Structure formats: C-alpha cells, structure tokens
C-alpha cells in the first residue's frame, strides 16, 4: 500500500510541474521554421529564464520554447514577443508541458513585464 501511495504522489508531483509560468527573462534568440510543409509556421525562441516548469526529462533545452502561428491569438502572441525583443523588455511565458522533438517547451501565453 505504501508503494502505491508513494507512486501516486510521485506521479502527481511530476504532472504538477509540467505546465505553468516561467520566471522572467529576455529573448536571446528568435527563429522561424517552416516544418512539415506549407502553412506550418513554427517559432522557436530562447529566453534567459531562471525557472521553467516543463518536464526536464523531455524539454531538455531549459531556456528553449516554441509555438505554431495558426490563428489570430498566436499571431498576437508573436507580436507581443517581437515587441518585447525590440524594446529589450523581460517576459514570462506560460508553458503547457508539451515538448518539441528538439527539446523545446511549448508556450501558450506571455506576460510583458
């Protein structure tokens, strides 16, 4: 029984840290890739964050993030990121816990500090 309880606590603790907000940081690299054919625009960026709640086993690039520009909301997200880069402002990112094959964490939100 103790082993089952310990296993459940371990699993819950791992999933709790899979998504959430990063610490604050500035964009140090911004990269656009058209992977998977036409219409699949992926943005990769590196941000000098001190904390990233994504799973370190899968998202091995601690300061690496990505998302796909697919609709108005993700276009606005890209605009905010460009604005922060041009103004040299810090941002916080919301990560989903999903990781790209390259080890980057999927981002789904941004706060401009």
N, C-alpha and C. Protein backbone atom coordinates (compact mmCIF):
# COMPACT_ATOMS: atom_id res chain seq x y z
N UNK A 1 0.82 -1.19 0.00
CA UNK A 1 0.00 0.00 0.00
C UNK A 1 0.87 1.26 0.00
N UNK A 2 1.94 1.22 0.77
CA UNK A 2 2.82 2.38 0.82
C UNK A 2 3.46 2.65 -0.53
N UNK A 3 3.80 1.58 -1.25
CA UNK A 3 4.40 1.75 -2.58
C UNK A 3 3.42 2.40 -3.54
N UNK A 4 2.17 2.00 -3.48
CA UNK A 4 1.15 2.59 -4.36
C UNK A 4 0.96 4.06 -4.02
N UNK A 5 0.87 4.38 -2.73
CA UNK A 5 0.70 5.77 -2.32
C UNK A 5 1.89 6.62 -2.75
N UNK A 6 3.09 6.10 -2.56
CA UNK A 6 4.30 6.82 -2.98
C UNK A 6 4.30 7.03 -4.48
N UNK A 7 3.91 6.01 -5.24
CA UNK A 7 3.86 6.13 -6.71
C UNK A 7 2.87 7.20 -7.14
N UNK A 8 1.70 7.23 -6.51
CA UNK A 8 0.70 8.24 -6.85
C UNK A 8 1.19 9.65 -6.52
N UNK A 9 1.81 9.80 -5.38
CA UNK A 9 2.35 11.12 -5.01
C UNK A 9 3.42 11.55 -6.01
N UNK A 10 4.29 10.62 -6.42
CA UNK A 10 5.34 10.93 -7.39
C UNK A 10 4.74 11.35 -8.72
N UNK A 11 3.75 10.62 -9.21
CA UNK A 11 3.12 10.95 -10.50
C UNK A 11 2.44 12.30 -10.44
N UNK A 12 1.70 12.56 -9.37
CA UNK A 12 1.01 13.85 -9.24
C UNK A 12 2.02 14.99 -9.16
N UNK A 13 3.10 14.79 -8.42
CA UNK A 13 4.10 15.86 -8.31
C UNK A 13 4.77 16.13 -9.64
N UNK A 14 4.96 15.10 -10.47
CA UNK A 14 5.58 15.30 -11.78
C UNK A 14 4.64 16.05 -12.71
N UNK A 15 3.35 15.75 -12.68
CA UNK A 15 2.42 16.41 -13.58
C UNK A 15 2.15 17.84 -13.14
N UNK A 16 2.28 18.13 -11.86
CA UNK A 16 2.04 19.49 -11.38
C UNK A 16 3.09 20.45 -11.92
N UNK A 17 4.28 19.97 -12.18
CA UNK A 17 5.35 20.83 -12.63
C UNK A 17 5.52 20.83 -14.14
N UNK A 18 4.58 20.20 -14.85
CA UNK A 18 4.70 20.11 -16.29
C UNK A 18 4.26 21.39 -16.98
N UNK A 19 3.29 22.11 -16.41
CA UNK A 19 2.83 23.34 -17.04
C UNK A 19 2.85 24.46 -16.01
N UNK A 20 2.86 25.69 -16.50
CA UNK A 20 2.87 26.85 -15.61
C UNK A 20 3.70 27.98 -16.18
N UNK A 21 3.92 28.97 -15.37
CA UNK A 21 4.65 30.17 -15.78
C UNK A 21 6.14 30.03 -15.49
N UNK A 22 6.94 30.52 -16.42
CA UNK A 22 8.38 30.56 -16.22
C UNK A 22 8.73 31.76 -15.36
N UNK A 23 10.00 31.87 -15.01
CA UNK A 23 10.49 33.09 -14.42
C UNK A 23 10.63 34.16 -15.49
N UNK A 24 11.01 35.34 -15.11
CA UNK A 24 11.19 36.45 -16.06
C UNK A 24 12.53 36.33 -16.77
N UNK A 25 12.55 36.78 -18.02
CA UNK A 25 13.79 36.78 -18.79
C UNK A 25 13.62 37.52 -20.10
N UNK A 26 14.73 37.77 -20.76
CA UNK A 26 14.72 38.44 -22.06
C UNK A 26 14.96 37.44 -23.18
N UNK A 27 14.40 37.73 -24.33
CA UNK A 27 14.61 36.88 -25.50
C UNK A 27 16.05 37.04 -25.97
N UNK A 28 16.73 35.92 -26.12
CA UNK A 28 18.12 35.95 -26.58
C UNK A 28 18.24 35.42 -28.01
N UNK A 29 17.20 34.72 -28.49
CA UNK A 29 17.23 34.18 -29.85
C UNK A 29 15.79 33.98 -30.32
N UNK A 30 15.54 34.30 -31.58
CA UNK A 30 14.22 34.11 -32.19
C UNK A 30 14.42 33.49 -33.56
N UNK A 31 13.70 32.40 -33.84
CA UNK A 31 13.95 31.63 -35.04
C UNK A 31 12.62 31.16 -35.62
N UNK A 32 12.43 31.35 -36.92
CA UNK A 32 11.23 30.89 -37.61
C UNK A 32 11.58 29.69 -38.47
N UNK A 33 10.77 28.63 -38.37
CA UNK A 33 10.98 27.44 -39.19
C UNK A 33 9.66 27.07 -39.85
N UNK A 34 9.72 26.64 -41.08
CA UNK A 34 8.54 26.13 -41.76
C UNK A 34 8.72 24.62 -41.88
N UNK A 35 8.31 23.92 -40.83
CA UNK A 35 8.49 22.47 -40.75
C UNK A 35 7.18 21.78 -41.11
N UNK A 36 7.25 20.68 -41.77
CA UNK A 36 6.06 19.90 -42.07
C UNK A 36 5.26 20.43 -43.25
N UNK A 37 5.85 21.21 -44.10
CA UNK A 37 5.15 21.68 -45.30
C UNK A 37 4.57 23.07 -45.14
N UNK A 38 3.89 23.50 -46.16
CA UNK A 38 3.32 24.85 -46.21
C UNK A 38 2.27 25.01 -45.12
N UNK A 39 2.25 26.19 -44.53
CA UNK A 39 1.25 26.50 -43.52
C UNK A 39 1.63 26.08 -42.12
N UNK A 40 2.74 25.43 -41.93
CA UNK A 40 3.16 25.01 -40.60
C UNK A 40 4.31 25.89 -40.13
N UNK A 41 3.97 27.08 -39.68
CA UNK A 41 4.98 28.04 -39.23
C UNK A 41 5.24 27.86 -37.74
N UNK A 42 6.44 27.47 -37.41
CA UNK A 42 6.83 27.30 -36.02
C UNK A 42 7.85 28.36 -35.64
N UNK A 43 7.64 28.92 -34.47
CA UNK A 43 8.54 29.92 -33.93
C UNK A 43 9.29 29.28 -32.77
N UNK A 44 10.61 29.36 -32.80
CA UNK A 44 11.46 28.86 -31.72
C UNK A 44 12.17 30.05 -31.11
N UNK A 45 12.25 30.08 -29.80
CA UNK A 45 12.95 31.18 -29.15
C UNK A 45 13.65 30.68 -27.91
N UNK A 46 14.66 31.42 -27.53
CA UNK A 46 15.36 31.18 -26.28
C UNK A 46 15.18 32.43 -25.42
N UNK A 47 14.88 32.19 -24.16
CA UNK A 47 14.63 33.27 -23.21
C UNK A 47 15.47 32.98 -21.96
N UNK A 48 16.15 33.98 -21.46
CA UNK A 48 17.06 33.81 -20.32
C UNK A 48 16.27 33.70 -19.01
N UNK A 49 15.49 32.62 -18.87
CA UNK A 49 14.68 32.41 -17.67
C UNK A 49 15.47 31.61 -16.64
N UNK A 50 15.14 31.83 -15.37
CA UNK A 50 15.79 31.07 -14.31
C UNK A 50 14.96 29.87 -13.88
N UNK A 51 13.70 29.82 -14.32
CA UNK A 51 12.87 28.67 -13.98
C UNK A 51 11.92 28.35 -15.13
N UNK A 52 11.79 27.05 -15.41
CA UNK A 52 10.92 26.55 -16.47
C UNK A 52 10.24 25.30 -15.92
N UNK A 53 8.92 25.35 -15.70
CA UNK A 53 8.24 24.22 -15.09
C UNK A 53 8.05 23.01 -15.99
N UNK A 54 8.42 23.08 -17.26
CA UNK A 54 8.27 21.93 -18.15
C UNK A 54 9.15 20.79 -17.70
N UNK A 55 8.75 19.60 -18.06
CA UNK A 55 9.44 18.39 -17.65
C UNK A 55 10.89 18.39 -18.13
N UNK A 56 11.85 18.35 -17.22
CA UNK A 56 13.26 18.37 -17.64
C UNK A 56 13.69 17.09 -18.35
N UNK A 57 12.92 16.01 -18.21
CA UNK A 57 13.27 14.77 -18.89
C UNK A 57 13.03 14.89 -20.39
N UNK A 58 11.99 15.64 -20.78
CA UNK A 58 11.63 15.76 -22.20
C UNK A 58 12.03 17.11 -22.79
N UNK A 59 11.85 18.16 -22.04
CA UNK A 59 12.20 19.51 -22.51
C UNK A 59 13.61 19.83 -22.02
N UNK A 60 14.57 19.26 -22.70
CA UNK A 60 15.95 19.34 -22.21
C UNK A 60 16.60 20.71 -22.45
N UNK A 61 16.02 21.53 -23.33
CA UNK A 61 16.55 22.88 -23.54
C UNK A 61 15.81 23.81 -22.57
N UNK A 62 16.39 24.03 -21.41
CA UNK A 62 15.72 24.75 -20.32
C UNK A 62 15.26 26.15 -20.73
N UNK A 63 16.01 26.80 -21.59
CA UNK A 63 15.66 28.17 -21.99
C UNK A 63 15.03 28.21 -23.39
N UNK A 64 14.63 27.05 -23.93
CA UNK A 64 14.08 26.97 -25.28
C UNK A 64 12.57 26.77 -25.28
N UNK A 65 11.89 27.51 -26.17
CA UNK A 65 10.43 27.47 -26.24
C UNK A 65 10.01 27.50 -27.70
N UNK A 66 8.78 27.02 -27.97
CA UNK A 66 8.27 27.05 -29.34
C UNK A 66 6.76 27.15 -29.32
N UNK A 67 6.21 27.57 -30.45
CA UNK A 67 4.77 27.55 -30.69
C UNK A 67 4.54 27.66 -32.18
N UNK A 68 3.33 27.36 -32.60
CA UNK A 68 2.96 27.46 -34.01
C UNK A 68 2.03 28.64 -34.21
N UNK A 69 2.26 29.40 -35.26
CA UNK A 69 1.38 30.51 -35.61
C UNK A 69 0.28 29.95 -36.50
N UNK A 70 -0.91 29.81 -35.92
CA UNK A 70 -2.02 29.15 -36.63
C UNK A 70 -3.29 29.97 -36.69
N UNK A 71 -3.41 31.01 -35.85
CA UNK A 71 -4.65 31.78 -35.79
C UNK A 71 -4.37 33.18 -35.26
N UNK A 72 -5.44 33.95 -35.06
CA UNK A 72 -5.27 35.33 -34.59
C UNK A 72 -4.60 35.40 -33.22
N UNK A 73 -4.96 34.48 -32.32
CA UNK A 73 -4.39 34.50 -30.97
C UNK A 73 -2.88 34.26 -31.01
N UNK A 74 -2.43 33.29 -31.80
CA UNK A 74 -1.00 33.02 -31.86
C UNK A 74 -0.25 34.09 -32.65
N UNK A 75 -0.94 34.77 -33.57
CA UNK A 75 -0.33 35.93 -34.24
C UNK A 75 -0.12 37.06 -33.25
N UNK A 76 -1.09 37.28 -32.34
CA UNK A 76 -0.92 38.31 -31.29
C UNK A 76 0.21 37.92 -30.34
N UNK A 77 0.31 36.64 -30.02
CA UNK A 77 1.40 36.16 -29.18
C UNK A 77 2.75 36.47 -29.83
N UNK A 78 2.85 36.21 -31.12
CA UNK A 78 4.09 36.50 -31.85
C UNK A 78 4.38 38.01 -31.84
N UNK A 79 3.35 38.83 -31.99
CA UNK A 79 3.53 40.28 -31.97
C UNK A 79 4.05 40.76 -30.62
N UNK A 80 3.52 40.21 -29.54
CA UNK A 80 3.99 40.58 -28.21
C UNK A 80 5.45 40.18 -28.03
N UNK A 81 5.80 39.00 -28.50
CA UNK A 81 7.19 38.55 -28.40
C UNK A 81 8.13 39.46 -29.19
N UNK A 82 7.73 39.84 -30.41
CA UNK A 82 8.56 40.76 -31.19
C UNK A 82 8.69 42.11 -30.50
N UNK A 83 7.61 42.59 -29.92
CA UNK A 83 7.63 43.87 -29.20
C UNK A 83 8.60 43.81 -28.03
N UNK A 84 8.57 42.71 -27.28
CA UNK A 84 9.46 42.60 -26.13
C UNK A 84 10.92 42.53 -26.57
N UNK A 85 11.16 41.85 -27.70
CA UNK A 85 12.52 41.76 -28.22
C UNK A 85 13.02 43.13 -28.65
N UNK A 86 12.20 43.86 -29.38
CA UNK A 86 12.62 45.19 -29.87
C UNK A 86 12.79 46.20 -28.75
N UNK A 87 11.97 46.08 -27.69
CA UNK A 87 12.06 47.01 -26.57
C UNK A 87 13.02 46.53 -25.49
N UNK A 88 13.62 45.33 -25.69
CA UNK A 88 14.55 44.75 -24.73
C UNK A 88 13.91 44.61 -23.35
N UNK A 89 12.64 44.16 -23.34
CA UNK A 89 11.87 44.00 -22.10
C UNK A 89 11.84 42.54 -21.68
N UNK A 90 11.69 42.31 -20.40
CA UNK A 90 11.56 40.95 -19.89
C UNK A 90 10.13 40.45 -20.08
N UNK A 91 10.02 39.13 -20.20
CA UNK A 91 8.73 38.48 -20.35
C UNK A 91 8.68 37.25 -19.44
N UNK A 92 7.46 36.78 -19.19
CA UNK A 92 7.21 35.48 -18.57
C UNK A 92 6.39 34.69 -19.58
N UNK A 93 6.65 33.38 -19.66
CA UNK A 93 5.95 32.53 -20.61
C UNK A 93 5.14 31.47 -19.88
N UNK A 94 3.97 31.15 -20.43
CA UNK A 94 3.20 30.02 -19.91
C UNK A 94 3.51 28.82 -20.79
N UNK A 95 3.99 27.75 -20.18
CA UNK A 95 4.31 26.53 -20.91
C UNK A 95 3.28 25.46 -20.60
N UNK A 96 3.00 24.62 -21.61
CA UNK A 96 1.95 23.62 -21.49
C UNK A 96 2.43 22.28 -20.93
N UNK A 97 3.72 22.06 -20.92
CA UNK A 97 4.26 20.77 -20.52
C UNK A 97 4.59 19.88 -21.71
N UNK A 98 4.10 20.25 -22.89
CA UNK A 98 4.42 19.51 -24.12
C UNK A 98 5.79 19.95 -24.61
N UNK A 99 6.54 18.99 -25.15
CA UNK A 99 7.88 19.29 -25.63
C UNK A 99 8.03 18.94 -27.10
N UNK A 100 8.77 19.75 -27.81
CA UNK A 100 9.11 19.51 -29.22
C UNK A 100 10.20 18.44 -29.27
N UNK A 101 10.35 17.80 -30.39
CA UNK A 101 11.39 16.78 -30.57
C UNK A 101 12.79 17.36 -30.34
N UNK A 102 12.94 18.67 -30.54
CA UNK A 102 14.23 19.32 -30.33
C UNK A 102 14.49 19.64 -28.85
N UNK A 103 13.53 19.34 -27.97
CA UNK A 103 13.70 19.60 -26.54
C UNK A 103 13.19 20.94 -26.07
N UNK A 104 12.48 21.67 -26.92
CA UNK A 104 11.92 22.96 -26.56
C UNK A 104 10.52 22.78 -25.97
N UNK A 105 10.16 23.59 -24.98
CA UNK A 105 8.85 23.53 -24.35
C UNK A 105 7.84 24.35 -25.15
N UNK A 106 6.61 23.81 -25.30
CA UNK A 106 5.56 24.55 -26.00
C UNK A 106 5.05 25.67 -25.10
N UNK A 107 5.02 26.89 -25.65
CA UNK A 107 4.48 28.02 -24.90
C UNK A 107 3.08 28.35 -25.41
N UNK A 108 2.26 28.89 -24.50
CA UNK A 108 0.88 29.18 -24.85
C UNK A 108 0.41 30.51 -24.29
N UNK A 109 1.30 31.27 -23.68
CA UNK A 109 0.93 32.56 -23.15
C UNK A 109 2.17 33.38 -22.84
N UNK A 110 1.99 34.69 -22.75
CA UNK A 110 3.13 35.57 -22.47
C UNK A 110 2.66 36.75 -21.65
N UNK A 111 3.52 37.17 -20.73
CA UNK A 111 3.31 38.39 -19.95
C UNK A 111 4.49 39.30 -20.24
N UNK A 112 4.21 40.52 -20.66
CA UNK A 112 5.26 41.50 -20.90
C UNK A 112 5.47 42.26 -19.59
N UNK A 113 6.66 42.14 -19.01
CA UNK A 113 6.95 42.80 -17.71
C UNK A 113 7.25 44.27 -17.91
